[in-house]
Every structure is written in C-alpha cells, then in structure tokens.
Amino acid sequence: MQKTMRGIVKAAAGPGLEFRTDLPVPEIGEDEVLMKIRCASICGTDLGIYNWGDWARRRMTVFPRIIGHETTGEIVAVGSRVKDRFVGQRVSVETHMWDGTCPHCLAGRRHVCQNMTLYGIQTDGAFAEYSKVRADVTYVLADELSDEQGCVFEPMGSGVHGVEEADVAGKTVLVAGCGAIGLTVVAACRVFKAKTIIACDLYDEKLEAARAMGADVTINSRREDLVARGLELTHGLGVEAAIDVTGSPAALNSSLKCVMAMGCLVSVGLPGEPVTMDMTEDLFYRQIHLSGICGRRIWETWDDFTTVLKDPIYDMKRVIGGQFALEDFEAGFAKMRSGAPGKMFLYP
C-alpha cells in the first residue's frame, strides 16, 4: 500500500481549496473500512466550503480537512471488528453519521441524530484517492449500479425521502424544480405509482428531461401562472401532494397554493433566506401538512432509491453534468458555479 495520496483539502478558514499530492493514506480503526475512491461528485455544500459561507464557517473548525462526501469507493481494507463488510465490495456512504445513543437514534430516527457528525465536513472525506469511514455507515451497492449511480445516493436520496414522505401512490403530485434532484423526484414518483405527475420549472430543457423521466404534464412557471394552471389541471381541487426541490420562497408559496385541502407540501430544497407565508389562509384554514426533509431514512431510503435506479425510467445521462480528473477540480467547481445542469463528477 502506498503511503501518500492525492486529494483536495480545505487548508484553512477562508475562501478556496488546495490540491495536494503528499497527504497520508488513512490508517483505519477496528470498526472502520478503507475505501479506494472510484468517483465522487461535487455538492452545493462543497461549493459553500470553497466560498467559505456561513454554513461552512459554523461547522468546520479543524484544518486541513479533506472534503467531499458524495462517493463510490471500493473497500480495500477492513478493521478487526468489522464482520459484514469485505474487501472488494463497492460502497456508498451515509454522510449523516449517527452516534446510536441519542433519543432519536434509539427510536429509529438515526438520520436526525442529535450528535450527528458529517462525513467530509467534520471528518476527512472522499475528494482523495483513499478515505476511511465507519463500516456501519457504508451501503453496499448492487452489482448492476454504476459508480456514478453510487455517488448520487447521498444528494438525490433526499429527494427520494421527499417522495416517501409524500406517500405518492395513487396521488396527483406537483414537483417544483427539475434539476438533478427534481428529476430524481419525478422518476421516484413514477416508480412508486403516483397517478399524475405535474412538473414545473423555469427552463424548457429541464421540463423536457422531466417528461423523459416520467412527468405527465409540465409547466414553465416563467410563462404560465403555476397556481392557475395547477388548479385547472385538477378541476379546481388542487394536487394531493407537492414536493418542492427549489427552496425558492416564491416557488414554495406557489406550491402551497396548489395543494388541496388536507394535502401535503414536502420541502426538499433548502431556502437560502427566510420564507414568508400566509399561514392562516394557505395552511391552517386548509389543514395542509407541511414537512421538511433532512437527509435520508437509514436504510429505508437507500433501498427505495436502489429500486428507482434499477428502473429503466431513470436516465443517468440526464443527471451527469460533467466529468473531471481530481486534479482538475477547479474546472468542475467553475462549471457548477456557472449554473450548468447536472452533477459534476471527480475521478482520482
């Protein structure tokens, strides 16, 4: 085994990242596995770490830190106490690393652990040749899934969790936002038997992709009144469930107004600012169930997403936005920063 490796680090507080060639290969503990990283993808969180936004400043205190948390790795070593992971297995990583002792963990809600540690943010992550992680936070990938599909469990899994929360079977569902996560939501709604899927976005090319992923109706909400069109399509009743992937205050309010009385609005996208709503008229008087999504249910969402990824409706080509060698990470970050659609993948 080599002693040093290449990787991308946050060297100190402040903007920017560094590519290093002299990082030590991690030494694993008795409950850990060592992964040889096959690919990783860039998250909006990584971009925030690069730019050194408020979220990153609140959570990152130890430097240098190897970042990156959306990944597929091949296990090349296992700790002495690891009994259910083996050399040669391909795995992805649940980045919300739970402690197993808090009330939420004990009640089966590990994805909202009170003492959560974030892989690739508060521990060294996947933008490197090798990474170590607790064995129990790895998910063994089905043989028929690609390395790139393994990477998207973490980011797109939140969208699948939103579909689980909305309990879409037999329902008319509105999906707001048709980027990579929104397309996953559309596909998951189709796989899990939604009756009618209405997708909205500001860009026609994204709506075309949504139709290919299973949407029955698409609405360009830049040109059309979403609420009026949504009510028209449902004969004035409204949709039974809306899943917002945008985090936009305007989109959240429009989606809420599209929901029928006693329906639900599931918020997957994180708003970047406070959201104002007319809660009396739009929420309380119509008894709407409003819920936010945090990560993925462990391991239920992962199993459900495996079902979606195996379905022919899920077109991975529509999710890949760019592929870059690890040392060319600046190009990947620049393409993401430009607003280009799809996930950017890095290969050590």
Protein backbone atom coordinates (compact mmCIF):
# COMPACT_ATOMS: atom_id res chain seq x y z
CA MET A 1 0.00 0.00 0.00
CA GLN A 2 1.28 3.44 -0.90
CA LYS A 3 1.99 5.83 1.99
CA THR A 4 0.82 9.12 0.44
CA MET A 5 -2.04 10.12 -1.82
CA ARG A 6 -3.55 12.96 -3.80
CA GLY A 7 -6.52 14.92 -2.53
CA ILE A 8 -8.37 18.21 -2.21
CA VAL A 9 -8.24 19.97 1.15
CA LYS A 10 -9.62 22.98 2.91
CA ALA A 11 -6.27 24.14 4.25
CA ALA A 12 -7.51 26.96 6.47
CA ALA A 13 -10.51 29.15 7.21
CA GLY A 14 -11.25 31.36 4.20
CA PRO A 15 -12.13 31.01 0.51
CA GLY A 16 -10.51 28.40 -1.73
CA LEU A 17 -9.33 24.78 -1.79
CA GLU A 18 -5.93 23.17 -2.38
CA PHE A 19 -4.88 20.14 -4.40
CA ARG A 20 -2.20 18.17 -2.52
CA THR A 21 -0.04 15.21 -3.51
CA ASP A 22 1.50 14.48 -0.10
CA LEU A 23 -1.49 13.53 2.03
CA PRO A 24 -1.06 10.43 4.23
CA VAL A 25 -3.16 7.42 3.33
CA PRO A 26 -5.56 6.99 6.29
CA GLU A 27 -4.96 4.27 8.87
CA ILE A 28 -8.21 2.57 9.84
CA GLY A 29 -9.50 1.73 13.29
CA GLU A 30 -11.02 -1.58 14.31
CA ASP A 31 -14.58 -0.52 13.31
CA GLU A 32 -13.61 1.19 10.05
CA VAL A 33 -13.04 0.36 6.40
CA LEU A 34 -10.60 1.89 3.94
CA MET A 35 -12.09 2.77 0.56
CA LYS A 36 -10.24 3.34 -2.68
CA ILE A 37 -12.33 6.13 -4.17
CA ARG A 38 -13.69 5.30 -7.60
CA CYS A 39 -15.51 8.59 -8.11
CA ALA A 40 -17.02 11.44 -6.15
CA SER A 41 -19.41 14.25 -7.05
CA ILE A 42 -19.46 17.92 -6.11
CA CYS A 43 -22.26 19.07 -3.82
CA GLY A 44 -23.56 22.57 -3.25
CA THR A 45 -22.16 22.14 0.25
CA ASP A 46 -18.68 21.69 -1.24
CA LEU A 47 -19.15 24.90 -3.20
CA GLY A 48 -20.14 26.62 0.04
CA ILE A 49 -16.99 25.28 1.69
CA TYR A 50 -14.93 26.57 -1.24
CA ASN A 51 -16.55 30.03 -0.93
CA TRP A 52 -16.43 29.85 2.89
CA GLY A 53 -20.06 30.70 3.50
CA ASP A 54 -21.82 30.93 6.85
CA TRP A 55 -22.85 27.26 6.88
CA ALA A 56 -19.26 26.09 6.44
CA ARG A 57 -17.87 28.56 8.98
CA ARG A 58 -20.24 27.24 11.63
CA ARG A 59 -19.27 23.59 11.10
CA MET A 60 -15.63 23.40 10.04
CA THR A 61 -13.07 24.10 12.75
CA VAL A 62 -10.27 21.59 12.05
CA PHE A 63 -7.78 22.14 9.20
CA PRO A 64 -6.52 20.86 6.88
CA ARG A 65 -9.63 18.87 6.04
CA ILE A 66 -10.16 16.61 3.01
CA ILE A 67 -13.64 17.47 1.77
CA GLY A 68 -16.17 15.61 -0.40
CA HIS A 69 -18.97 13.33 0.74
CA GLU A 70 -20.86 12.05 -2.34
CA THR A 71 -18.89 8.98 -3.38
CA THR A 72 -18.47 5.41 -4.51
CA GLY A 73 -15.50 3.55 -3.11
CA GLU A 74 -14.11 0.04 -3.23
CA ILE A 75 -13.21 -1.47 0.13
CA VAL A 76 -9.51 -2.35 0.22
CA ALA A 77 -9.09 -2.97 3.97
CA VAL A 78 -11.37 -3.71 6.96
CA GLY A 79 -10.89 -3.23 10.68
CA SER A 80 -10.51 -6.19 13.04
CA ARG A 81 -14.08 -5.90 14.40
CA VAL A 82 -15.80 -5.48 11.03
CA LYS A 83 -17.76 -8.64 10.19
CA ASP A 84 -20.21 -7.61 7.46
CA ARG A 85 -18.04 -5.65 5.00
CA PHE A 86 -15.42 -7.26 2.80
CA VAL A 87 -12.52 -6.31 0.60
CA GLY A 88 -13.71 -5.82 -2.98
CA GLN A 89 -17.21 -4.56 -2.16
CA ARG A 90 -18.31 -1.27 -3.71
CA VAL A 91 -19.99 1.05 -1.22
CA SER A 92 -21.50 4.49 -0.89
CA VAL A 93 -21.52 6.44 2.38
CA GLU A 94 -24.33 7.76 4.57
CA THR A 95 -22.86 11.14 5.44
CA HIS A 96 -25.11 11.77 8.47
CA MET A 97 -23.02 9.65 10.83
CA TRP A 98 -25.12 8.89 13.88
CA ASP A 99 -23.88 8.07 17.39
CA GLY A 100 -26.50 5.42 18.21
CA THR A 101 -27.14 6.70 21.75
CA CYS A 102 -29.39 9.77 21.45
CA PRO A 103 -33.21 9.53 21.80
CA HIS A 104 -33.68 9.85 18.03
CA CYS A 105 -31.26 7.02 17.28
CA LEU A 106 -32.87 4.80 19.90
CA ALA A 107 -36.28 5.49 18.32
CA GLY A 108 -35.05 4.54 14.83
CA ARG A 109 -34.59 8.12 13.60
CA ARG A 110 -30.85 7.98 13.04
CA HIS A 111 -30.97 10.47 10.15
CA VAL A 112 -31.72 13.26 12.66
CA CYS A 113 -29.28 12.15 15.36
CA GLN A 114 -28.71 14.89 17.95
CA ASN A 115 -24.98 14.22 17.92
CA MET A 116 -24.53 13.80 14.18
CA THR A 117 -21.07 14.01 12.60
CA LEU A 118 -20.85 14.99 8.94
CA TYR A 119 -18.55 12.93 6.71
CA GLY A 120 -16.35 15.10 4.50
CA ILE A 121 -17.05 18.18 6.61
CA GLN A 122 -16.29 17.27 10.21
CA THR A 123 -14.23 14.23 9.21
CA ASP A 124 -11.93 13.73 6.22
CA GLY A 125 -13.90 12.86 3.11
CA ALA A 126 -13.86 11.49 -0.42
CA PHE A 127 -12.02 14.02 -2.62
CA ALA A 128 -8.88 11.88 -2.44
CA GLU A 129 -7.51 8.55 -3.59
CA TYR A 130 -8.46 6.83 -0.32
CA SER A 131 -10.87 7.52 2.52
CA LYS A 132 -11.66 5.79 5.80
CA VAL A 133 -15.10 5.64 7.36
CA ARG A 134 -17.02 3.66 9.96
CA ALA A 135 -18.14 0.39 8.40
CA ASP A 136 -21.71 0.80 9.64
CA VAL A 137 -22.30 3.99 7.62
CA THR A 138 -21.47 2.29 4.31
CA TYR A 139 -24.10 0.94 1.93
CA VAL A 140 -23.18 -1.97 -0.33
CA LEU A 141 -24.07 -1.21 -3.95
CA ALA A 142 -25.91 -3.63 -6.19
CA ASP A 143 -23.67 -5.03 -8.93
CA GLU A 144 -25.78 -3.55 -11.73
CA LEU A 145 -25.39 0.03 -10.45
CA SER A 146 -22.61 2.19 -11.88
CA ASP A 147 -20.06 4.06 -9.79
CA GLU A 148 -21.78 7.32 -10.74
CA GLN A 149 -25.11 5.99 -9.52
CA GLY A 150 -23.44 5.12 -6.23
CA CYS A 151 -22.36 8.74 -5.88
CA VAL A 152 -25.89 10.12 -6.20
CA PHE A 153 -27.43 8.15 -3.32
CA GLU A 154 -26.44 10.92 -0.92
CA PRO A 155 -27.66 14.03 -2.80
CA MET A 156 -30.61 12.54 -4.67
CA GLY A 157 -31.64 10.43 -1.71
CA SER A 158 -33.12 13.48 -0.04
CA GLY A 159 -35.50 13.77 -2.99
CA VAL A 160 -36.49 10.11 -2.68
CA HIS A 161 -37.05 10.72 1.04
CA GLY A 162 -39.41 13.52 0.00
CA VAL A 163 -41.34 11.08 -2.18
CA GLU A 164 -41.57 8.67 0.75
CA GLU A 165 -42.85 11.46 2.99
CA ALA A 166 -45.49 12.47 0.43
CA ASP A 167 -46.70 8.84 0.13
CA VAL A 168 -47.33 9.41 -3.57
CA ALA A 169 -49.02 6.15 -4.62
CA GLY A 170 -52.33 6.91 -6.36
CA LYS A 171 -51.96 10.69 -5.90
CA THR A 172 -51.69 13.70 -8.18
CA VAL A 173 -48.29 15.20 -7.34
CA LEU A 174 -46.66 18.52 -8.20
CA VAL A 175 -42.84 18.53 -8.41
CA ALA A 176 -41.37 22.05 -8.30
CA GLY A 177 -37.85 22.23 -9.74
CA CYS A 178 -36.42 19.89 -12.37
CA GLY A 179 -32.71 19.93 -11.72
CA ALA A 180 -30.90 16.68 -10.94
CA ILE A 181 -32.71 16.13 -7.62
CA GLY A 182 -36.06 17.17 -9.08
CA LEU A 183 -35.66 14.71 -11.95
CA THR A 184 -34.98 12.00 -9.38
CA VAL A 185 -38.17 13.00 -7.56
CA VAL A 186 -40.14 12.77 -10.81
CA ALA A 187 -38.73 9.31 -11.56
CA ALA A 188 -39.37 8.12 -7.99
CA CYS A 189 -42.97 9.36 -8.18
CA ARG A 190 -43.42 7.30 -11.34
CA VAL A 191 -41.76 4.19 -9.89
CA PHE A 192 -43.83 4.42 -6.71
CA LYS A 193 -47.11 4.70 -8.63
CA ALA A 194 -48.18 8.34 -8.46
CA LYS A 195 -51.37 8.73 -10.50
CA THR A 196 -50.43 12.00 -12.22
CA ILE A 197 -47.12 13.88 -12.07
CA ILE A 198 -47.05 17.61 -12.80
CA ALA A 199 -43.56 19.09 -13.05
CA CYS A 200 -42.70 22.78 -13.16
CA ASP A 201 -39.51 24.72 -13.83
CA LEU A 202 -38.35 27.95 -15.44
CA TYR A 203 -36.43 26.26 -18.27
CA ASP A 204 -37.85 24.24 -21.16
CA GLU A 205 -34.83 21.93 -21.42
CA LYS A 206 -35.33 20.83 -17.82
CA LEU A 207 -39.01 20.25 -18.45
CA GLU A 208 -38.13 18.09 -21.47
CA ALA A 209 -35.92 15.98 -19.19
CA ALA A 210 -38.77 15.75 -16.67
CA ARG A 211 -41.09 14.36 -19.33
CA ALA A 212 -38.46 11.77 -20.21
CA MET A 213 -38.23 10.81 -16.52
CA GLY A 214 -41.98 10.26 -16.23
CA ALA A 215 -43.81 13.59 -15.82
CA ASP A 216 -47.33 13.60 -17.32
CA VAL A 217 -47.66 17.38 -17.53
CA THR A 218 -45.01 20.12 -17.49
CA ILE A 219 -45.47 23.80 -16.73
CA ASN A 220 -42.99 26.57 -17.49
CA SER A 221 -43.73 28.76 -14.49
CA ARG A 222 -41.86 31.68 -16.04
CA ARG A 223 -44.53 31.85 -18.77
CA GLU A 224 -47.58 30.38 -17.04
CA ASP A 225 -49.35 31.07 -13.76
CA LEU A 226 -48.50 27.90 -11.82
CA VAL A 227 -51.35 28.16 -9.35
CA ALA A 228 -53.99 28.83 -12.02
CA ARG A 229 -52.68 26.03 -14.23
CA GLY A 230 -52.40 23.60 -11.33
CA LEU A 231 -56.00 24.26 -10.28
CA GLU A 232 -57.15 23.95 -13.88
CA LEU A 233 -55.49 20.56 -14.23
CA THR A 234 -57.15 19.32 -11.03
CA HIS A 235 -60.61 20.74 -11.76
CA GLY A 236 -60.24 23.38 -9.06
CA LEU A 237 -59.38 20.91 -6.31
CA GLY A 238 -55.58 21.15 -6.18
CA VAL A 239 -52.90 18.47 -6.05
CA GLU A 240 -52.82 15.95 -3.23
CA ALA A 241 -49.10 16.42 -2.69
CA ALA A 242 -46.48 18.96 -3.73
CA ILE A 243 -42.72 18.37 -3.43
CA ASP A 244 -40.57 21.49 -3.66
CA VAL A 245 -36.94 20.98 -4.65
CA THR A 246 -36.12 24.64 -5.34
CA GLY A 247 -36.01 26.20 -1.87
CA SER A 248 -37.29 29.37 -3.55
CA PRO A 249 -39.72 31.35 -1.38
CA ALA A 250 -41.83 32.18 -4.44
CA ALA A 251 -41.95 28.55 -5.55
CA LEU A 252 -42.80 27.35 -2.04
CA ASN A 253 -45.71 29.76 -1.83
CA SER A 254 -46.99 28.83 -5.28
CA SER A 255 -46.69 25.12 -4.50
CA LEU A 256 -48.57 25.60 -1.23
CA LYS A 257 -51.41 27.35 -3.04
CA CYS A 258 -51.60 24.42 -5.48
CA VAL A 259 -52.20 21.87 -2.71
CA MET A 260 -55.74 20.72 -1.99
CA ALA A 261 -57.25 20.93 1.49
CA MET A 262 -55.87 18.13 3.70
CA GLY A 263 -52.99 17.64 1.25
CA CYS A 264 -49.28 17.94 1.93
CA LEU A 265 -46.34 20.12 0.94
CA VAL A 266 -42.93 18.48 1.32
CA SER A 267 -39.93 20.81 1.25
CA VAL A 268 -36.72 19.17 -0.01
CA GLY A 269 -34.79 22.20 -1.29
CA LEU A 270 -33.13 24.36 1.37
CA PRO A 271 -34.21 28.01 1.29
CA GLY A 272 -31.32 30.44 1.35
CA GLU A 273 -33.40 33.07 3.13
CA PRO A 274 -36.40 33.25 5.50
CA VAL A 275 -39.69 32.29 3.83
CA THR A 276 -42.86 34.31 4.43
CA MET A 277 -46.21 32.55 4.03
CA ASP A 278 -49.84 33.41 4.64
CA MET A 279 -50.15 30.55 7.07
CA THR A 280 -53.69 31.42 8.15
CA GLU A 281 -55.26 31.31 4.70
CA ASP A 282 -52.96 28.90 2.87
CA LEU A 283 -52.01 26.45 5.62
CA PHE A 284 -54.28 26.45 8.67
CA TYR A 285 -57.70 27.01 7.08
CA ARG A 286 -56.99 24.21 4.59
CA GLN A 287 -55.25 21.93 7.11
CA ILE A 288 -52.18 21.39 4.94
CA HIS A 289 -49.44 19.12 6.26
CA LEU A 290 -46.07 20.88 5.80
CA SER A 291 -42.87 18.94 6.33
CA GLY A 292 -39.17 19.46 5.74
CA ILE A 293 -36.74 16.76 4.70
CA CYS A 294 -33.43 16.05 6.43
CA GLY A 295 -31.17 13.59 4.65
CA ARG A 296 -32.28 10.03 4.07
CA ARG A 297 -34.03 7.45 6.23
CA ILE A 298 -31.41 4.85 7.16
CA TRP A 299 -31.55 2.45 5.34
CA GLU A 300 -35.10 2.55 4.00
CA THR A 301 -34.49 5.45 1.61
CA TRP A 302 -31.35 3.78 0.26
CA ASP A 303 -33.28 0.61 -0.54
CA ASP A 304 -36.09 2.59 -2.17
CA PHE A 305 -33.59 4.59 -4.24
CA THR A 306 -31.96 1.35 -5.39
CA THR A 307 -35.37 0.37 -6.79
CA VAL A 308 -35.59 3.71 -8.63
CA LEU A 309 -32.05 3.49 -10.03
CA LYS A 310 -32.71 -0.01 -11.39
CA ASP A 311 -35.86 1.11 -13.19
CA PRO A 312 -35.47 1.90 -16.92
CA ILE A 313 -37.23 5.26 -16.39
CA TYR A 314 -34.18 6.61 -14.54
CA ASP A 315 -31.80 8.02 -17.14
CA MET A 316 -28.43 8.65 -15.51
CA LYS A 317 -27.22 10.57 -18.58
CA ARG A 318 -29.62 13.37 -17.67
CA VAL A 319 -28.03 13.63 -14.22
CA ILE A 320 -24.34 13.80 -15.23
CA GLY A 321 -23.29 17.38 -15.88
CA GLY A 322 -19.53 16.92 -16.26
CA GLN A 323 -16.66 14.53 -15.52
CA PHE A 324 -13.20 15.71 -14.40
CA ALA A 325 -9.94 14.29 -13.13
CA LEU A 326 -9.46 15.02 -9.43
CA GLU A 327 -6.62 17.45 -10.14
CA ASP A 328 -8.93 19.39 -12.48
CA PHE A 329 -11.41 20.08 -9.68
CA GLU A 330 -11.28 23.83 -10.32
CA ALA A 331 -12.90 23.26 -13.73
CA GLY A 332 -15.64 21.17 -12.14
CA PHE A 333 -16.33 23.79 -9.50
CA ALA A 334 -16.34 26.53 -12.15
CA LYS A 335 -18.87 24.65 -14.27
CA MET A 336 -21.07 24.11 -11.25
CA ARG A 337 -20.74 27.77 -10.27
CA SER A 338 -21.86 28.78 -13.79
CA GLY A 339 -25.23 27.15 -13.19
CA ALA A 340 -24.68 24.28 -15.64
CA PRO A 341 -27.21 21.48 -15.04
CA GLY A 342 -26.34 18.09 -13.60
CA LYS A 343 -23.82 16.71 -11.16
CA MET A 344 -20.08 17.24 -11.62
CA PHE A 345 -18.03 14.07 -11.02
CA LEU A 346 -14.38 13.83 -9.97
CA TYR A 347 -12.13 10.80 -10.57
CA PRO A 348 -8.89 10.23 -8.60
